[in-house]
Amino acid sequence: MSKINIQFDEEIFNTAYLPYLTDFSKRFLIWFGGRGSGKSHSAAQRIIYNVLSIKGFNVLVVRKWLNANRNSTFSLIYGLILEYGLSRFFKVNQQDMTITCLVNQNQILFKGLDDKEKIKGIKALNGNIKHLWIEEANQITQDDFIYLNNSLRGFDGYNIPYNILLTFNPVSQLSWLKSYFFDTTNKSIRNKTEILKTTYHSNRFLDNDYIESLESLKDIDYIKYCVDVLGEWGSFGNIILSNWEVKDLSLSNIWRDYDYLTYGLDFGYNHPSALILVGIKDDNVYVLNELYERKLTNTELITKAEKFIVDRNISIIADSAEPDRIKEFRNYNFLSIRGAEKGKNSVKMGIDYLRGRKIYINTKCVNTIKEIQNWQYKVDKNGTVLEEPVPFQDDAIAAIRYATEQFWGSKNGVGFIKLK
């Protein structure tokens, strides 16, 4: 391998991932486990380090949906390049989502499996793709993976082994990932695979508030705690919503494309604030865009909302438990905001409404997708599924319930902008 001498302070890395920084001895590297374990951050660091260090080290970063890449992996890698003061070494094309290293012409390319033709035969400027990072690997199919694996082949003059990194949180024990990599009797697959399981204990950069939110799940729903926090394989027979689909949804003609538009707002600080744009068309629900961020003061949230909201005349239905924050929004001329009704059985009524229609989620709404995949009912100590959601990582879901309350609540449509 032709190397350039790049030195990073080891203090910026989580210790659990350091042995894999330059280790490409296995074709398949599996990083899985609980939330907050630093998998994605460490994968991005590994890519940046080797793209700078090894000539011919070209990378393809893949997610199921291209837009999800833009809002997650591309933003993460680009952000780290800026944070580490490395922007003079890279040319970043934000439109095409390509990052080119000016030192050696290595490239980082970002694609989605929603357009496989753009992956077929893909090459970088100076050679073949040598490293593939599949983020949220639990969202792709086994056929998707086989297609990607078969695409990594050929000799281009660089003595660099092909390597595929898969990062994910285990969701269901029925996942193809478990049978393909963990339970396989295929010696070839086993010999080519290295597996690393991590939890939030592996991430020394987490703040105490986030750690407390993770630990609090232990007393709320221990089974979900084992899956989401400890990274154990789960069986999700108690998932609340399954009637949803991820889809590329254009925002260019929302006034024409939808019958109604509204925003839902769930306030947060230690947990995320979630501001969700919802459209209704033919009685189906469309999650069009999301603002989803932790550690925002109300003033900071308002500043971001001013850029995010397409029209202040569209109603904003917010968490009524925060009247002072709603008042502050009104003071900033968000006059269409009001508190959600809530009340007895309001959560159940909202769930019944959402379960009774098709839900389409824009590919760019990556946090909403994560939440809806894991939103589930509580399970008691006897294994009985209760008709009560686990109140954990449901901020976007709460915002969607508030937004659609105008259809299932007593106000029945009051506050929606009817477009046609």
Protein backbone atom coordinates (compact mmCIF):
# COMPACT_ATOMS: atom_id res chain seq x y z
CA MET A 1 0.00 0.00 0.00
CA SER A 2 1.29 3.46 -0.91
CA LYS A 3 0.93 5.49 2.27
CA ILE A 4 1.04 9.16 3.22
CA ASN A 5 2.07 9.87 6.79
CA ILE A 6 -1.06 11.09 8.59
CA GLN A 7 -1.08 11.38 12.37
CA PHE A 8 -4.21 11.73 14.49
CA ASP A 9 -4.43 12.07 18.24
CA GLU A 10 -5.82 8.75 19.52
CA GLU A 11 -7.90 10.73 22.02
CA ILE A 12 -10.44 11.53 19.28
CA PHE A 13 -11.24 7.83 18.79
CA ASN A 14 -13.27 5.47 20.93
CA THR A 15 -10.94 2.73 22.16
CA ALA A 16 -13.17 -0.18 21.08
CA TYR A 17 -12.83 0.77 17.41
CA LEU A 18 -9.12 1.66 17.31
CA PRO A 19 -7.89 -1.90 16.51
CA TYR A 20 -9.93 -1.76 13.28
CA LEU A 21 -8.67 1.61 12.08
CA THR A 22 -6.23 0.08 9.59
CA ASP A 23 -7.18 -3.60 9.84
CA PHE A 24 -8.64 -4.93 6.58
CA SER A 25 -7.77 -8.59 7.14
CA LYS A 26 -11.43 -9.65 6.91
CA ARG A 27 -13.69 -8.95 3.96
CA PHE A 28 -16.73 -8.40 6.20
CA LEU A 29 -16.62 -6.27 9.34
CA ILE A 30 -19.79 -6.14 11.45
CA TRP A 31 -20.28 -3.33 13.98
CA PHE A 32 -23.59 -3.77 15.77
CA GLY A 33 -25.07 -3.13 19.16
CA GLY A 34 -26.98 -0.57 21.17
CA ARG A 35 -27.81 3.04 20.50
CA GLY A 36 -25.21 5.68 21.26
CA SER A 37 -22.31 3.26 20.88
CA GLY A 38 -20.42 5.44 18.38
CA LYS A 39 -20.56 3.01 15.44
CA SER A 40 -21.34 5.55 12.72
CA HIS A 41 -18.95 8.18 14.07
CA SER A 42 -16.12 5.65 14.22
CA ALA A 43 -16.90 4.36 10.73
CA ALA A 44 -16.62 7.92 9.40
CA GLN A 45 -13.31 8.45 11.20
CA ARG A 46 -11.96 5.20 9.76
CA ILE A 47 -12.86 6.30 6.25
CA ILE A 48 -11.31 9.76 6.54
CA TYR A 49 -8.09 8.39 8.01
CA ASN A 50 -7.57 5.77 5.30
CA VAL A 51 -8.66 7.96 2.39
CA LEU A 52 -5.94 10.38 3.43
CA SER A 53 -3.36 7.72 4.22
CA ILE A 54 -3.57 5.11 1.45
CA LYS A 55 -3.45 5.91 -2.25
CA GLY A 56 -6.15 3.93 -4.07
CA PHE A 57 -8.39 3.65 -0.99
CA ASN A 58 -11.72 4.59 -2.57
CA VAL A 59 -14.96 4.34 -0.63
CA LEU A 60 -18.62 3.82 -1.44
CA VAL A 61 -21.08 4.68 1.33
CA VAL A 62 -24.50 3.10 0.88
CA ARG A 63 -27.87 3.28 2.55
CA LYS A 64 -31.19 1.89 1.42
CA TRP A 65 -32.29 5.35 0.31
CA LEU A 66 -30.09 8.03 -1.23
CA ASN A 67 -31.72 10.93 0.60
CA ALA A 68 -31.07 9.19 3.90
CA ASN A 69 -27.37 9.23 3.01
CA ARG A 70 -27.38 12.98 2.45
CA ASN A 71 -28.83 13.66 5.88
CA SER A 72 -26.69 11.18 7.78
CA THR A 73 -23.43 9.72 6.47
CA PHE A 74 -22.56 12.54 4.05
CA SER A 75 -23.28 15.20 6.66
CA LEU A 76 -21.31 13.22 9.26
CA ILE A 77 -18.16 12.74 7.15
CA TYR A 78 -18.24 16.30 5.80
CA GLY A 79 -18.74 17.62 9.34
CA LEU A 80 -15.74 15.68 10.67
CA ILE A 81 -13.55 16.97 7.83
CA LEU A 82 -14.45 20.52 8.89
CA GLU A 83 -14.10 19.75 12.61
CA TYR A 84 -10.61 18.29 12.15
CA GLY A 85 -9.44 21.23 10.00
CA LEU A 86 -8.94 19.02 6.94
CA SER A 87 -10.99 20.95 4.39
CA ARG A 88 -7.86 22.05 2.48
CA PHE A 89 -7.19 18.39 1.67
CA PHE A 90 -10.65 17.68 0.23
CA LYS A 91 -12.93 18.90 -2.52
CA VAL A 92 -16.56 18.42 -1.52
CA ASN A 93 -19.32 18.36 -4.12
CA GLN A 94 -22.50 18.69 -2.08
CA GLN A 95 -24.84 18.32 -5.05
CA ASP A 96 -23.39 15.02 -6.30
CA MET A 97 -22.36 13.91 -2.81
CA THR A 98 -18.76 13.14 -3.73
CA ILE A 99 -15.70 13.93 -1.63
CA THR A 100 -12.33 13.90 -3.40
CA CYS A 101 -9.02 13.85 -1.56
CA LEU A 102 -6.74 16.41 -3.23
CA VAL A 103 -3.63 14.65 -1.89
CA ASN A 104 -4.07 11.41 -3.85
CA GLN A 105 -7.37 11.66 -5.85
CA ASN A 106 -9.05 9.06 -3.64
CA GLN A 107 -12.82 9.47 -3.50
CA ILE A 108 -15.74 8.92 -1.13
CA LEU A 109 -18.97 8.34 -3.06
CA PHE A 110 -22.48 8.18 -1.59
CA LYS A 111 -25.28 6.17 -3.19
CA GLY A 112 -28.66 4.66 -2.38
CA LEU A 113 -30.04 1.24 -3.20
CA ASP A 114 -33.21 2.90 -4.48
CA ASP A 115 -31.26 3.37 -7.74
CA LYS A 116 -29.04 0.31 -8.17
CA GLU A 117 -28.15 1.23 -11.75
CA LYS A 118 -25.98 4.07 -10.45
CA ILE A 119 -23.99 1.58 -8.38
CA LYS A 120 -23.46 -0.94 -11.15
CA GLY A 121 -19.85 -0.79 -12.34
CA ILE A 122 -19.13 2.31 -10.23
CA LYS A 123 -15.49 3.45 -10.10
CA ALA A 124 -13.59 6.30 -8.51
CA LEU A 125 -11.23 8.71 -10.30
CA ASN A 126 -8.13 6.64 -9.66
CA GLY A 127 -9.38 3.06 -9.48
CA ASN A 128 -11.85 0.59 -8.04
CA ILE A 129 -13.98 0.98 -4.93
CA LYS A 130 -12.04 -0.84 -2.19
CA HIS A 131 -14.11 -0.06 0.90
CA LEU A 132 -17.88 -0.21 1.25
CA TRP A 133 -19.72 1.14 4.27
CA ILE A 134 -23.35 -0.01 4.55
CA GLU A 135 -25.03 2.16 7.19
CA GLU A 136 -28.30 0.95 8.78
CA ALA A 137 -27.64 -2.44 7.19
CA ASN A 138 -30.81 -3.82 8.78
CA GLN A 139 -32.80 -1.72 6.28
CA ILE A 140 -31.42 -3.49 3.21
CA THR A 141 -32.28 -6.98 1.99
CA GLN A 142 -30.00 -9.99 1.65
CA ASP A 143 -30.32 -9.64 -2.13
CA ASP A 144 -29.17 -6.01 -1.82
CA PHE A 145 -26.12 -7.14 0.11
CA ILE A 146 -25.21 -9.90 -2.34
CA TYR A 147 -25.51 -7.38 -5.19
CA LEU A 148 -23.12 -5.00 -3.39
CA ASN A 149 -20.68 -7.73 -2.40
CA ASN A 150 -20.46 -8.97 -5.97
CA SER A 151 -19.74 -5.44 -7.18
CA LEU A 152 -16.42 -5.31 -5.27
CA ARG A 153 -13.98 -7.08 -7.57
CA GLY A 154 -11.15 -6.58 -10.04
CA PHE A 155 -7.49 -5.53 -9.87
CA ASP A 156 -6.47 -1.92 -10.44
CA GLY A 157 -2.78 -1.91 -9.52
CA TYR A 158 -3.24 -1.12 -5.82
CA ASN A 159 -2.56 -3.88 -3.34
CA ILE A 160 -5.56 -3.01 -1.18
CA PRO A 161 -7.96 -5.72 0.02
CA TYR A 162 -11.68 -5.28 -0.48
CA ASN A 163 -13.56 -4.59 2.73
CA ILE A 164 -17.24 -4.17 3.64
CA LEU A 165 -18.28 -2.56 6.92
CA LEU A 166 -21.89 -3.07 8.04
CA THR A 167 -23.23 -0.95 10.90
CA PHE A 168 -26.65 -1.41 12.47
CA ASN A 169 -28.73 -1.80 15.60
CA PRO A 170 -30.21 -5.31 15.87
CA VAL A 171 -33.98 -5.04 15.52
CA SER A 172 -35.36 -8.53 15.01
CA GLN A 173 -33.91 -11.99 15.46
CA LEU A 174 -35.62 -12.79 12.13
CA SER A 175 -33.27 -10.40 10.32
CA TRP A 176 -31.27 -11.85 7.42
CA LEU A 177 -28.14 -10.36 9.03
CA LYS A 178 -28.44 -12.74 11.97
CA SER A 179 -28.84 -15.86 9.85
CA TYR A 180 -26.25 -14.78 7.26
CA PHE A 181 -23.40 -13.69 9.55
CA PHE A 182 -24.14 -14.83 13.11
CA ASP A 183 -25.84 -18.20 12.79
CA THR A 184 -24.24 -19.38 9.56
CA THR A 185 -22.55 -22.75 9.20
CA ASN A 186 -20.84 -21.57 6.01
CA LYS A 187 -17.13 -21.69 6.89
CA SER A 188 -16.19 -19.31 4.10
CA ILE A 189 -18.51 -16.58 5.45
CA ARG A 190 -17.37 -17.20 9.03
CA ASN A 191 -13.68 -17.03 8.12
CA LYS A 192 -14.16 -13.77 6.24
CA THR A 193 -16.16 -12.06 9.01
CA GLU A 194 -15.13 -10.07 12.07
CA ILE A 195 -17.91 -9.04 14.50
CA LEU A 196 -17.73 -6.25 17.08
CA LYS A 197 -20.59 -5.63 19.47
CA THR A 198 -20.67 -2.31 21.33
CA THR A 199 -23.01 -0.38 23.62
CA TYR A 200 -23.03 3.18 24.95
CA HIS A 201 -20.37 2.04 27.43
CA SER A 202 -18.00 1.96 24.44
CA ASN A 203 -18.60 5.64 23.70
CA ARG A 204 -16.75 7.93 26.08
CA PHE A 205 -18.00 11.07 24.32
CA LEU A 206 -21.66 10.79 25.42
CA ASP A 207 -23.09 13.38 27.77
CA ASN A 208 -24.70 12.35 31.04
CA ASP A 209 -28.20 13.44 30.00
CA TYR A 210 -28.18 11.08 27.02
CA ILE A 211 -26.83 8.22 29.15
CA GLU A 212 -29.59 8.82 31.71
CA SER A 213 -32.22 8.73 28.95
CA LEU A 214 -30.88 5.37 27.77
CA GLU A 215 -30.73 3.93 31.27
CA SER A 216 -34.24 5.14 32.07
CA LEU A 217 -35.62 2.65 29.55
CA LYS A 218 -34.64 -0.19 31.89
CA ASP A 219 -37.53 0.70 34.22
CA ILE A 220 -39.94 1.56 31.41
CA ASP A 221 -39.63 -1.58 29.30
CA TYR A 222 -36.83 -4.02 30.04
CA ILE A 223 -37.20 -5.95 26.78
CA LYS A 224 -36.83 -2.79 24.72
CA TYR A 225 -33.90 -1.79 26.95
CA CYS A 226 -32.16 -5.07 26.10
CA VAL A 227 -32.59 -4.44 22.38
CA ASP A 228 -32.14 -0.68 22.04
CA VAL A 229 -29.54 -0.12 24.75
CA LEU A 230 -27.76 -3.44 25.23
CA GLY A 231 -27.91 -4.36 21.55
CA GLU A 232 -29.54 -7.76 21.97
CA TRP A 233 -31.48 -9.35 19.12
CA GLY A 234 -35.18 -8.76 19.64
CA SER A 235 -38.52 -10.09 18.54
CA PHE A 236 -40.88 -7.24 17.79
CA GLY A 237 -44.34 -8.74 17.78
CA ASN A 238 -45.42 -5.62 19.65
CA ILE A 239 -44.49 -3.08 16.97
CA ILE A 240 -47.28 -0.48 16.81
CA LEU A 241 -47.16 0.67 13.18
CA SER A 242 -46.37 -1.53 10.20
CA ASN A 243 -48.49 0.26 7.58
CA TRP A 244 -45.74 2.61 6.45
CA GLU A 245 -43.45 2.93 3.47
CA VAL A 246 -40.35 5.00 2.76
CA LYS A 247 -40.59 6.97 -0.46
CA ASP A 248 -38.90 9.86 -2.26
CA LEU A 249 -41.34 12.73 -1.78
CA SER A 250 -40.79 16.03 -3.56
CA LEU A 251 -41.29 19.28 -1.65
CA SER A 252 -41.33 21.46 -4.76
CA ASN A 253 -45.12 21.38 -5.32
CA ILE A 254 -46.60 20.57 -1.92
CA TRP A 255 -49.43 23.06 -2.48
CA ARG A 256 -50.52 21.06 -5.52
CA ASP A 257 -49.71 17.54 -4.32
CA TYR A 258 -51.59 17.43 -0.98
CA ASP A 259 -55.12 18.15 0.20
CA TYR A 260 -54.00 19.42 3.61
CA LEU A 261 -50.74 20.53 5.22
CA THR A 262 -49.87 20.89 8.89
CA TYR A 263 -46.91 20.79 11.28
CA GLY A 264 -46.60 18.85 14.51
CA LEU A 265 -44.15 19.98 17.18
CA ASP A 266 -42.84 18.00 20.14
CA PHE A 267 -40.63 20.08 22.41
CA GLY A 268 -37.43 18.66 23.86
CA TYR A 269 -33.98 19.48 25.11
CA ASN A 270 -32.25 16.39 26.51
CA HIS A 271 -34.39 14.39 24.10
CA PRO A 272 -34.87 15.85 20.61
CA SER A 273 -37.22 18.60 19.61
CA ALA A 274 -39.17 17.34 16.60
CA LEU A 275 -40.93 19.60 14.10
CA ILE A 276 -42.60 17.51 11.38
CA LEU A 277 -44.32 18.65 8.19
CA VAL A 278 -47.29 16.40 7.43
CA GLY A 279 -49.39 16.27 4.28
CA ILE A 280 -52.72 14.52 3.80
CA LYS A 281 -53.73 13.16 0.41
CA ASP A 282 -56.72 10.86 -0.24
CA ASP A 283 -56.83 10.16 3.51
CA ASN A 284 -53.25 8.89 3.54
CA VAL A 285 -50.55 10.46 5.73
CA TYR A 286 -47.33 11.82 4.22
CA VAL A 287 -44.37 12.70 6.45
CA LEU A 288 -42.65 15.26 4.23
CA ASN A 289 -39.86 16.86 6.24
CA GLU A 290 -38.38 16.87 9.71
CA LEU A 291 -36.43 19.19 11.98
CA TYR A 292 -35.05 16.91 14.69
CA GLU A 293 -32.34 18.02 17.09
CA ARG A 294 -31.30 17.74 20.74
CA LYS A 295 -29.98 20.43 23.08
CA LEU A 296 -31.91 23.31 21.49
CA THR A 297 -33.14 26.16 23.66
CA ASN A 298 -36.52 27.47 22.62
CA THR A 299 -34.90 30.52 21.03
CA GLU A 300 -32.57 28.27 19.01
CA LEU A 301 -35.50 26.09 18.00
CA ILE A 302 -37.45 29.14 16.83
CA THR A 303 -34.46 30.34 14.78
CA LYS A 304 -34.23 26.97 13.04
CA ALA A 305 -38.01 26.83 12.59
CA GLU A 306 -37.95 30.18 10.80
CA LYS A 307 -35.78 28.62 8.09
CA PHE A 308 -37.53 25.25 8.12
CA ILE A 309 -41.19 26.22 7.91
CA VAL A 310 -42.34 26.90 4.35
CA ASP A 311 -45.35 29.07 5.26
CA ARG A 312 -46.30 30.50 8.64
CA ASN A 313 -49.98 30.24 7.73
CA ILE A 314 -49.74 26.45 7.99
CA SER A 315 -50.95 25.37 11.42
CA ILE A 316 -48.46 24.12 14.01
CA ILE A 317 -49.93 21.76 16.62
CA ALA A 318 -47.53 21.63 19.55
CA ASP A 319 -47.20 19.78 22.84
CA SER A 320 -49.68 21.58 25.09
CA ALA A 321 -47.63 20.63 28.16
CA GLU A 322 -45.27 23.51 27.19
CA PRO A 323 -47.52 26.62 27.12
CA ASP A 324 -44.62 29.01 27.77
CA ARG A 325 -42.73 27.71 24.76
CA ILE A 326 -45.84 27.99 22.61
CA LYS A 327 -46.28 31.58 23.79
CA GLU A 328 -42.70 32.38 22.84
CA PHE A 329 -43.33 31.04 19.34
CA ARG A 330 -46.34 33.35 19.07
CA ASN A 331 -44.20 36.27 20.20
CA TYR A 332 -42.00 35.54 17.16
CA ASN A 333 -45.03 35.85 14.88
CA PHE A 334 -45.84 32.14 14.59
CA LEU A 335 -49.51 32.97 15.03
CA SER A 336 -50.78 29.65 13.67
CA ILE A 337 -49.37 27.64 16.58
CA ARG A 338 -51.64 26.11 19.21
CA GLY A 339 -51.42 23.37 21.81
CA ALA A 340 -52.58 19.83 21.13
CA GLU A 341 -55.81 18.83 22.88
CA LYS A 342 -54.48 15.59 24.36
CA GLY A 343 -56.91 14.37 27.02
CA LYS A 344 -58.12 10.91 27.99
CA ASN A 345 -57.36 8.19 25.41
CA SER A 346 -55.79 10.73 23.04
CA VAL A 347 -52.70 8.58 22.48
CA LYS A 348 -54.84 5.54 21.66
CA MET A 349 -57.06 7.60 19.36
CA GLY A 350 -53.99 8.93 17.55
CA ILE A 351 -52.61 5.41 17.13
CA ASP A 352 -55.95 4.13 15.84
CA TYR A 353 -56.03 6.94 13.28
CA LEU A 354 -52.48 6.26 12.07
CA ARG A 355 -53.05 2.51 11.91
CA GLY A 356 -56.13 3.05 9.79
CA ARG A 357 -54.35 4.55 6.79
CA LYS A 358 -51.18 4.27 4.75
CA ILE A 359 -48.22 6.32 5.97
CA TYR A 360 -45.56 7.46 3.51
CA ILE A 361 -42.28 8.79 4.93
CA ASN A 362 -39.86 10.89 2.89
CA THR A 363 -36.42 9.30 2.59
CA LYS A 364 -34.84 12.43 4.06
CA CYS A 365 -36.76 11.94 7.34
CA VAL A 366 -34.19 9.52 8.73
CA ASN A 367 -35.07 10.07 12.39
CA THR A 368 -38.77 9.49 11.81
CA ILE A 369 -37.90 6.25 10.02
CA LYS A 370 -35.77 5.09 12.95
CA GLU A 371 -38.51 5.86 15.45
CA ILE A 372 -41.36 4.22 13.56
CA GLN A 373 -39.28 1.05 13.06
CA ASN A 374 -38.96 0.65 16.81
CA TRP A 375 -42.11 2.23 18.22
CA GLN A 376 -43.78 -0.51 20.21
CA TYR A 377 -46.17 -1.42 22.98
CA LYS A 378 -45.03 -2.19 26.50
CA VAL A 379 -44.60 -5.80 27.54
CA ASP A 380 -45.19 -6.78 31.17
CA LYS A 381 -43.10 -9.24 33.17
CA ASN A 382 -45.33 -12.11 32.01
CA GLY A 383 -44.71 -11.30 28.36
CA THR A 384 -48.18 -9.83 27.85
CA VAL A 385 -48.31 -6.99 25.32
CA LEU A 386 -50.05 -3.97 26.87
CA GLU A 387 -52.03 -1.40 24.91
CA GLU A 388 -49.65 1.36 25.96
CA PRO A 389 -46.67 2.60 23.94
CA VAL A 390 -43.18 2.64 25.42
CA PRO A 391 -42.48 6.35 26.04
CA PHE A 392 -38.98 6.26 24.62
CA GLN A 393 -37.54 7.72 21.40
CA ASP A 394 -40.97 8.68 20.12
CA ASP A 395 -40.48 12.42 19.58
CA ALA A 396 -41.15 12.46 15.83
CA ILE A 397 -44.08 10.07 16.36
CA ALA A 398 -45.55 12.42 18.99
CA ALA A 399 -45.23 15.33 16.55
CA ILE A 400 -47.06 13.33 13.87
CA ARG A 401 -49.84 12.51 16.34
CA TYR A 402 -50.19 16.19 17.22
CA ALA A 403 -50.28 17.16 13.53
CA THR A 404 -52.97 14.63 12.68
CA GLU A 405 -54.99 15.28 15.85
CA GLN A 406 -57.06 17.69 13.79
CA PHE A 407 -58.56 14.70 11.97
CA TRP A 408 -59.18 12.34 14.87
CA GLY A 409 -59.62 14.83 17.74
CA SER A 410 -62.76 16.73 18.69
CA LYS A 411 -61.78 19.69 16.47
CA ASN A 412 -61.97 17.43 13.41
CA GLY A 413 -59.94 19.24 10.80
CA VAL A 414 -59.90 22.74 12.30
CA GLY A 415 -56.45 24.23 11.74
CA PHE A 416 -55.46 22.32 8.61
CA ILE A 417 -54.85 24.38 5.52
CA LYS A 418 -57.10 22.83 2.87
CA LEU A 419 -55.34 23.31 -0.42
CA LYS A 420 -58.04 22.29 -2.86
